[in-house]
Amino acid sequence: LITLFAAGLAAALRSAPAVMGILIPFLLM
């Protein structure tokens, strides 16, 4: 489910650095 969440964000933002910049702080911190 977390993988699908990341895929949805990647499709919405179309930028891997932006998705990582959101997911890492959002999910880990």
Full PDB file with SEQRES, HELIX, SHEET, SSBOND, CRYST1, ORIGX, SCALE, CONECT and MASTER records, all heavy atoms in Angstrom:
SEQRES   1 A   29  LEU ILE THR LEU PHE ALA ALA GLY LEU ALA ALA ALA LEU          
SEQRES   2 A   29  ARG SER ALA PRO ALA VAL MET GLY ILE LEU ILE PRO PHE          
SEQRES   3 A   29  LEU LEU MET                                                  
HELIX    1 AA1 ILE A    2  LEU A   13  1                                  12    
HELIX    2 AA2 ALA A   16  LEU A   28  1                                  13    
CRYST1    1.000    1.000    1.000  90.00  90.00  90.00 P 1           1          
ORIGX1      1.000000  0.000000  0.000000        0.00000                         
ORIGX2      0.000000  1.000000  0.000000        0.00000                         
ORIGX3      0.000000  0.000000  1.000000        0.00000                         
SCALE1      1.000000  0.000000  0.000000        0.00000                         
SCALE2      0.000000  1.000000  0.000000        0.00000                         
SCALE3      0.000000  0.000000  1.000000        0.00000                         
ATOM      1  N   LEU A   1       0.816  -1.208   0.000  1.00  0.00           N  
ATOM      2  CA  LEU A   1       0.000   0.000   0.000  1.00  0.00           C  
ATOM      3  C   LEU A   1       0.857   1.269   0.000  1.00  0.00           C  
ATOM      4  O   LEU A   1       0.531   2.245  -0.685  1.00  0.00           O  
ATOM      5  CB  LEU A   1      -0.951  -0.005   1.195  1.00  0.00           C  
ATOM      6  CG  LEU A   1      -2.104  -1.001   1.101  1.00  0.00           C  
ATOM      7  CD1 LEU A   1      -2.856  -1.088   2.420  1.00  0.00           C  
ATOM      8  CD2 LEU A   1      -3.039  -0.638  -0.030  1.00  0.00           C  
ATOM      9  N   ILE A   2       1.956   1.263   0.734  1.00  0.00           N  
ATOM     10  CA  ILE A   2       2.853   2.424   0.734  1.00  0.00           C  
ATOM     11  C   ILE A   2       3.476   2.605  -0.658  1.00  0.00           C  
ATOM     12  O   ILE A   2       3.664   3.734  -1.130  1.00  0.00           O  
ATOM     13  CB  ILE A   2       3.927   2.282   1.830  1.00  0.00           C  
ATOM     14  CG1 ILE A   2       3.290   2.434   3.209  1.00  0.00           C  
ATOM     15  CG2 ILE A   2       5.055   3.278   1.650  1.00  0.00           C  
ATOM     16  CD1 ILE A   2       2.699   3.796   3.498  1.00  0.00           C  
ATOM     17  N   THR A   3       3.771   1.505  -1.333  1.00  0.00           N  
ATOM     18  CA  THR A   3       4.299   1.581  -2.695  1.00  0.00           C  
ATOM     19  C   THR A   3       3.272   2.193  -3.644  1.00  0.00           C  
ATOM     20  O   THR A   3       3.614   3.042  -4.479  1.00  0.00           O  
ATOM     21  CB  THR A   3       4.716   0.182  -3.187  1.00  0.00           C  
ATOM     22  OG1 THR A   3       5.685  -0.347  -2.287  1.00  0.00           O  
ATOM     23  CG2 THR A   3       5.274   0.217  -4.580  1.00  0.00           C  
ATOM     24  N   LEU A   4       2.029   1.789  -3.513  1.00  0.00           N  
ATOM     25  CA  LEU A   4       0.976   2.371  -4.346  1.00  0.00           C  
ATOM     26  C   LEU A   4       0.750   3.842  -4.016  1.00  0.00           C  
ATOM     27  O   LEU A   4       0.464   4.654  -4.908  1.00  0.00           O  
ATOM     28  CB  LEU A   4      -0.327   1.584  -4.180  1.00  0.00           C  
ATOM     29  CG  LEU A   4      -0.343   0.199  -4.807  1.00  0.00           C  
ATOM     30  CD1 LEU A   4      -1.612  -0.540  -4.420  1.00  0.00           C  
ATOM     31  CD2 LEU A   4      -0.214   0.302  -6.312  1.00  0.00           C  
ATOM     32  N   PHE A   5       0.882   4.208  -2.755  1.00  0.00           N  
ATOM     33  CA  PHE A   5       0.783   5.610  -2.347  1.00  0.00           C  
ATOM     34  C   PHE A   5       1.873   6.433  -3.024  1.00  0.00           C  
ATOM     35  O   PHE A   5       1.622   7.516  -3.566  1.00  0.00           O  
ATOM     36  CB  PHE A   5       0.880   5.703  -0.819  1.00  0.00           C  
ATOM     37  CG  PHE A   5       0.703   7.081  -0.263  1.00  0.00           C  
ATOM     38  CD1 PHE A   5      -0.509   7.740  -0.380  1.00  0.00           C  
ATOM     39  CD2 PHE A   5       1.735   7.718   0.391  1.00  0.00           C  
ATOM     40  CE1 PHE A   5      -0.684   9.015   0.148  1.00  0.00           C  
ATOM     41  CE2 PHE A   5       1.574   8.981   0.923  1.00  0.00           C  
ATOM     42  CZ  PHE A   5       0.356   9.629   0.795  1.00  0.00           C  
ATOM     43  N   ALA A   6       3.093   5.911  -3.028  1.00  0.00           N  
ATOM     44  CA  ALA A   6       4.210   6.589  -3.687  1.00  0.00           C  
ATOM     45  C   ALA A   6       3.974   6.680  -5.196  1.00  0.00           C  
ATOM     46  O   ALA A   6       4.294   7.705  -5.819  1.00  0.00           O  
ATOM     47  CB  ALA A   6       5.516   5.868  -3.396  1.00  0.00           C  
ATOM     48  N   ALA A   7       3.418   5.643  -5.799  1.00  0.00           N  
ATOM     49  CA  ALA A   7       3.132   5.671  -7.233  1.00  0.00           C  
ATOM     50  C   ALA A   7       2.081   6.719  -7.569  1.00  0.00           C  
ATOM     51  O   ALA A   7       2.183   7.421  -8.586  1.00  0.00           O  
ATOM     52  CB  ALA A   7       2.674   4.294  -7.712  1.00  0.00           C  
ATOM     53  N   GLY A   8       1.076   6.852  -6.721  1.00  0.00           N  
ATOM     54  CA  GLY A   8       0.061   7.879  -6.939  1.00  0.00           C  
ATOM     55  C   GLY A   8       0.640   9.279  -6.843  1.00  0.00           C  
ATOM     56  O   GLY A   8       0.337  10.152  -7.653  1.00  0.00           O  
ATOM     57  N   LEU A   9       1.509   9.486  -5.852  1.00  0.00           N  
ATOM     58  CA  LEU A   9       2.162  10.792  -5.739  1.00  0.00           C  
ATOM     59  C   LEU A   9       3.085  11.059  -6.922  1.00  0.00           C  
ATOM     60  O   LEU A   9       3.160  12.187  -7.412  1.00  0.00           O  
ATOM     61  CB  LEU A   9       2.960  10.874  -4.437  1.00  0.00           C  
ATOM     62  CG  LEU A   9       2.162  11.064  -3.159  1.00  0.00           C  
ATOM     63  CD1 LEU A   9       3.100  11.102  -1.963  1.00  0.00           C  
ATOM     64  CD2 LEU A   9       1.333  12.328  -3.225  1.00  0.00           C  
ATOM     65  N   ALA A  10       3.790  10.035  -7.380  1.00  0.00           N  
ATOM     66  CA  ALA A  10       4.690  10.199  -8.524  1.00  0.00           C  
ATOM     67  C   ALA A  10       3.899  10.556  -9.784  1.00  0.00           C  
ATOM     68  O   ALA A  10       4.338  11.395 -10.573  1.00  0.00           O  
ATOM     69  CB  ALA A  10       5.498   8.930  -8.743  1.00  0.00           C  
ATOM     70  N   ALA A  11       2.749   9.939  -9.969  1.00  0.00           N  
ATOM     71  CA  ALA A  11       1.925  10.269 -11.132  1.00  0.00           C  
ATOM     72  C   ALA A  11       1.371  11.682 -11.024  1.00  0.00           C  
ATOM     73  O   ALA A  11       1.239  12.387 -12.029  1.00  0.00           O  
ATOM     74  CB  ALA A  11       0.786   9.263 -11.270  1.00  0.00           C  
ATOM     75  N   ALA A  12       1.071  12.120  -9.810  1.00  0.00           N  
ATOM     76  CA  ALA A  12       0.520  13.462  -9.624  1.00  0.00           C  
ATOM     77  C   ALA A  12       1.579  14.540  -9.795  1.00  0.00           C  
ATOM     78  O   ALA A  12       1.330  15.571 -10.422  1.00  0.00           O  
ATOM     79  CB  ALA A  12      -0.122  13.577  -8.244  1.00  0.00           C  
ATOM     80  N   LEU A  13       2.770  14.301  -9.273  1.00  0.00           N  
ATOM     81  CA  LEU A  13       3.808  15.337  -9.280  1.00  0.00           C  
ATOM     82  C   LEU A  13       4.738  15.270 -10.485  1.00  0.00           C  
ATOM     83  O   LEU A  13       5.347  16.273 -10.841  1.00  0.00           O  
ATOM     84  CB  LEU A  13       4.633  15.260  -7.992  1.00  0.00           C  
ATOM     85  CG  LEU A  13       3.863  15.507  -6.704  1.00  0.00           C  
ATOM     86  CD1 LEU A  13       4.767  15.322  -5.511  1.00  0.00           C  
ATOM     87  CD2 LEU A  13       3.261  16.897  -6.711  1.00  0.00           C  
ATOM     88  N   ARG A  14       4.883  14.086 -11.065  1.00  0.00           N  
ATOM     89  CA  ARG A  14       5.751  13.875 -12.229  1.00  0.00           C  
ATOM     90  C   ARG A  14       7.192  14.304 -11.990  1.00  0.00           C  
ATOM     91  O   ARG A  14       7.876  14.776 -12.891  1.00  0.00           O  
ATOM     92  CB  ARG A  14       5.198  14.615 -13.444  1.00  0.00           C  
ATOM     93  CG  ARG A  14       3.803  14.243 -13.847  1.00  0.00           C  
ATOM     94  CD  ARG A  14       3.785  13.007 -14.635  1.00  0.00           C  
ATOM     95  NE  ARG A  14       4.525  13.225 -15.874  1.00  0.00           N  
ATOM     96  CZ  ARG A  14       4.249  12.692 -17.011  1.00  0.00           C  
ATOM     97  NH1 ARG A  14       3.239  11.895 -17.098  1.00  0.00           N  
ATOM     98  NH2 ARG A  14       4.981  12.915 -18.056  1.00  0.00           N  
ATOM     99  N   SER A  15       7.656  14.156 -10.755  1.00  0.00           N  
ATOM    100  CA  SER A  15       9.015  14.533 -10.412  1.00  0.00           C  
ATOM    101  C   SER A  15       9.495  13.624  -9.285  1.00  0.00           C  
ATOM    102  O   SER A  15       8.968  13.692  -8.172  1.00  0.00           O  
ATOM    103  CB  SER A  15       9.068  15.991  -9.975  1.00  0.00           C  
ATOM    104  OG  SER A  15      10.323  16.286  -9.414  1.00  0.00           O  
ATOM    105  N   ALA A  16      10.489  12.804  -9.586  1.00  0.00           N  
ATOM    106  CA  ALA A  16      11.008  11.891  -8.565  1.00  0.00           C  
ATOM    107  C   ALA A  16      11.608  12.628  -7.371  1.00  0.00           C  
ATOM    108  O   ALA A  16      11.342  12.241  -6.225  1.00  0.00           O  
ATOM    109  CB  ALA A  16      12.029  10.939  -9.181  1.00  0.00           C  
ATOM    110  N   PRO A  17      12.402  13.686  -7.574  1.00  0.00           N  
ATOM    111  CA  PRO A  17      12.917  14.403  -6.398  1.00  0.00           C  
ATOM    112  C   PRO A  17      11.808  15.013  -5.545  1.00  0.00           C  
ATOM    113  O   PRO A  17      11.905  15.022  -4.321  1.00  0.00           O  
ATOM    114  CB  PRO A  17      13.806  15.495  -6.989  1.00  0.00           C  
ATOM    115  CG  PRO A  17      14.196  14.985  -8.330  1.00  0.00           C  
ATOM    116  CD  PRO A  17      13.026  14.178  -8.801  1.00  0.00           C  
ATOM    117  N   ALA A  18      10.759  15.512  -6.164  1.00  0.00           N  
ATOM    118  CA  ALA A  18       9.646  16.082  -5.398  1.00  0.00           C  
ATOM    119  C   ALA A  18       8.939  15.006  -4.580  1.00  0.00           C  
ATOM    120  O   ALA A  18       8.591  15.234  -3.417  1.00  0.00           O  
ATOM    121  CB  ALA A  18       8.662  16.772  -6.333  1.00  0.00           C  
ATOM    122  N   VAL A  19       8.732  13.832  -5.177  1.00  0.00           N  
ATOM    123  CA  VAL A  19       8.074  12.744  -4.456  1.00  0.00           C  
ATOM    124  C   VAL A  19       8.934  12.292  -3.279  1.00  0.00           C  
ATOM    125  O   VAL A  19       8.431  12.103  -2.171  1.00  0.00           O  
ATOM    126  CB  VAL A  19       7.766  11.560  -5.403  1.00  0.00           C  
ATOM    127  CG1 VAL A  19       7.279  10.356  -4.631  1.00  0.00           C  
ATOM    128  CG2 VAL A  19       6.738  11.971  -6.431  1.00  0.00           C  
ATOM    129  N   MET A  20      10.229  12.145  -3.494  1.00  0.00           N  
ATOM    130  CA  MET A  20      11.116  11.749  -2.398  1.00  0.00           C  
ATOM    131  C   MET A  20      11.182  12.838  -1.329  1.00  0.00           C  
ATOM    132  O   MET A  20      11.242  12.545  -0.137  1.00  0.00           O  
ATOM    133  CB  MET A  20      12.531  11.454  -2.916  1.00  0.00           C  
ATOM    134  CG  MET A  20      12.625  10.187  -3.731  1.00  0.00           C  
ATOM    135  SD  MET A  20      12.387   8.731  -2.721  1.00  0.00           S  
ATOM    136  CE  MET A  20      10.742   8.246  -3.126  1.00  0.00           C  
ATOM    137  N   GLY A  21      11.154  14.082  -1.767  1.00  0.00           N  
ATOM    138  CA  GLY A  21      11.178  15.192  -0.823  1.00  0.00           C  
ATOM    139  C   GLY A  21       9.921  15.274   0.028  1.00  0.00           C  
ATOM    140  O   GLY A  21       9.939  15.842   1.112  1.00  0.00           O  
ATOM    141  N   ILE A  22       8.834  14.733  -0.470  1.00  0.00           N  
ATOM    142  CA  ILE A  22       7.588  14.697   0.299  1.00  0.00           C  
ATOM    143  C   ILE A  22       7.495  13.418   1.127  1.00  0.00           C  
ATOM    144  O   ILE A  22       7.177  13.453   2.306  1.00  0.00           O  
ATOM    145  CB  ILE A  22       6.367  14.821  -0.631  1.00  0.00           C  
ATOM    146  CG1 ILE A  22       6.302  16.222  -1.212  1.00  0.00           C  
ATOM    147  CG2 ILE A  22       5.078  14.487   0.100  1.00  0.00           C  
ATOM    148  CD1 ILE A  22       5.266  16.393  -2.283  1.00  0.00           C  
ATOM    149  N   LEU A  23       7.762  12.276   0.497  1.00  0.00           N  
ATOM    150  CA  LEU A  23       7.558  10.995   1.178  1.00  0.00           C  
ATOM    151  C   LEU A  23       8.508  10.762   2.342  1.00  0.00           C  
ATOM    152  O   LEU A  23       8.077  10.271   3.381  1.00  0.00           O  
ATOM    153  CB  LEU A  23       7.689   9.834   0.189  1.00  0.00           C  
ATOM    154  CG  LEU A  23       6.489   9.558  -0.676  1.00  0.00           C  
ATOM    155  CD1 LEU A  23       6.757   8.368  -1.574  1.00  0.00           C  
ATOM    156  CD2 LEU A  23       5.262   9.307   0.158  1.00  0.00           C  
ATOM    157  N   ILE A  24       9.767  11.076   2.179  1.00  0.00           N  
ATOM    158  CA  ILE A  24      10.723  10.775   3.250  1.00  0.00           C  
ATOM    159  C   ILE A  24      10.378  11.549   4.520  1.00  0.00           C  
ATOM    160  O   ILE A  24      10.224  10.948   5.579  1.00  0.00           O  
ATOM    161  CB  ILE A  24      12.169  10.979   2.778  1.00  0.00           C  
ATOM    162  CG1 ILE A  24      12.508   9.877   1.770  1.00  0.00           C  
ATOM    163  CG2 ILE A  24      13.141  10.957   3.949  1.00  0.00           C  
ATOM    164  CD1 ILE A  24      13.835  10.016   1.105  1.00  0.00           C  
ATOM    165  N   PRO A  25      10.202  12.859   4.465  1.00  0.00           N  
ATOM    166  CA  PRO A  25       9.807  13.538   5.707  1.00  0.00           C  
ATOM    167  C   PRO A  25       8.404  13.142   6.172  1.00  0.00           C  
ATOM    168  O   PRO A  25       8.157  12.993   7.361  1.00  0.00           O  
ATOM    169  CB  PRO A  25       9.846  15.024   5.357  1.00  0.00           C  
ATOM    170  CG  PRO A  25      10.592  15.132   4.100  1.00  0.00           C  
ATOM    171  CD  PRO A  25      10.498  13.815   3.409  1.00  0.00           C  
ATOM    172  N   PHE A  26       7.476  12.963   5.223  1.00  0.00           N  
ATOM    173  CA  PHE A  26       6.089  12.672   5.569  1.00  0.00           C  
ATOM    174  C   PHE A  26       5.967  11.319   6.260  1.00  0.00           C  
ATOM    175  O   PHE A  26       5.286  11.194   7.272  1.00  0.00           O  
ATOM    176  CB  PHE A  26       5.242  12.715   4.294  1.00  0.00           C  
ATOM    177  CG  PHE A  26       3.767  12.699   4.536  1.00  0.00           C  
ATOM    178  CD1 PHE A  26       3.136  13.775   5.122  1.00  0.00           C  
ATOM    179  CD2 PHE A  26       3.004  11.615   4.155  1.00  0.00           C  
ATOM    180  CE1 PHE A  26       1.774  13.771   5.336  1.00  0.00           C  
ATOM    181  CE2 PHE A  26       1.645  11.595   4.356  1.00  0.00           C  
ATOM    182  CZ  PHE A  26       1.022  12.683   4.948  1.00  0.00           C  
ATOM    183  N   LEU A  27       6.623  10.300   5.712  1.00  0.00           N  
ATOM    184  CA  LEU A  27       6.478   8.950   6.247  1.00  0.00           C  
ATOM    185  C   LEU A  27       7.457   8.629   7.377  1.00  0.00           C  
ATOM    186  O   LEU A  27       7.172   7.780   8.209  1.00  0.00           O  
ATOM    187  CB  LEU A  27       6.645   7.910   5.134  1.00  0.00           C  
ATOM    188  CG  LEU A  27       5.596   7.932   4.041  1.00  0.00           C  
ATOM    189  CD1 LEU A  27       5.901   6.888   2.996  1.00  0.00           C  
ATOM    190  CD2 LEU A  27       4.210   7.719   4.609  1.00  0.00           C  
ATOM    191  N   LEU A  28       8.598   9.268   7.390  1.00  0.00           N  
ATOM    192  CA  LEU A  28       9.604   8.895   8.376  1.00  0.00           C  
ATOM    193  C   LEU A  28       9.716   9.851   9.557  1.00  0.00           C  
ATOM    194  O   LEU A  28      10.168   9.444  10.619  1.00  0.00           O  
ATOM    195  CB  LEU A  28      10.973   8.766   7.697  1.00  0.00           C  
ATOM    196  CG  LEU A  28      11.082   7.695   6.629  1.00  0.00           C  
ATOM    197  CD1 LEU A  28      12.468   7.701   6.014  1.00  0.00           C  
ATOM    198  CD2 LEU A  28      10.759   6.328   7.196  1.00  0.00           C  
ATOM    199  N   MET A  29       9.353  11.111   9.379  1.00  0.00           N  
ATOM    200  CA  MET A  29       9.599  12.064  10.456  1.00  0.00           C  
ATOM    201  C   MET A  29       8.343  12.772  10.959  1.00  0.00           C  
ATOM    202  O   MET A  29       8.182  12.944  12.163  1.00  0.00           O  
ATOM    203  CB  MET A  29      10.607  13.120   9.986  1.00  0.00           C  
ATOM    204  CG  MET A  29      11.971  12.565   9.715  1.00  0.00           C  
ATOM    205  SD  MET A  29      13.188  13.800   9.253  1.00  0.00           S  
ATOM    206  CE  MET A  29      12.563  14.415   7.721  1.00  0.00           C  
TER     207      MET A  29                                                      
MASTER        0    0    0    2    0    0    0    6  206    1    0    3          
END                                                                             
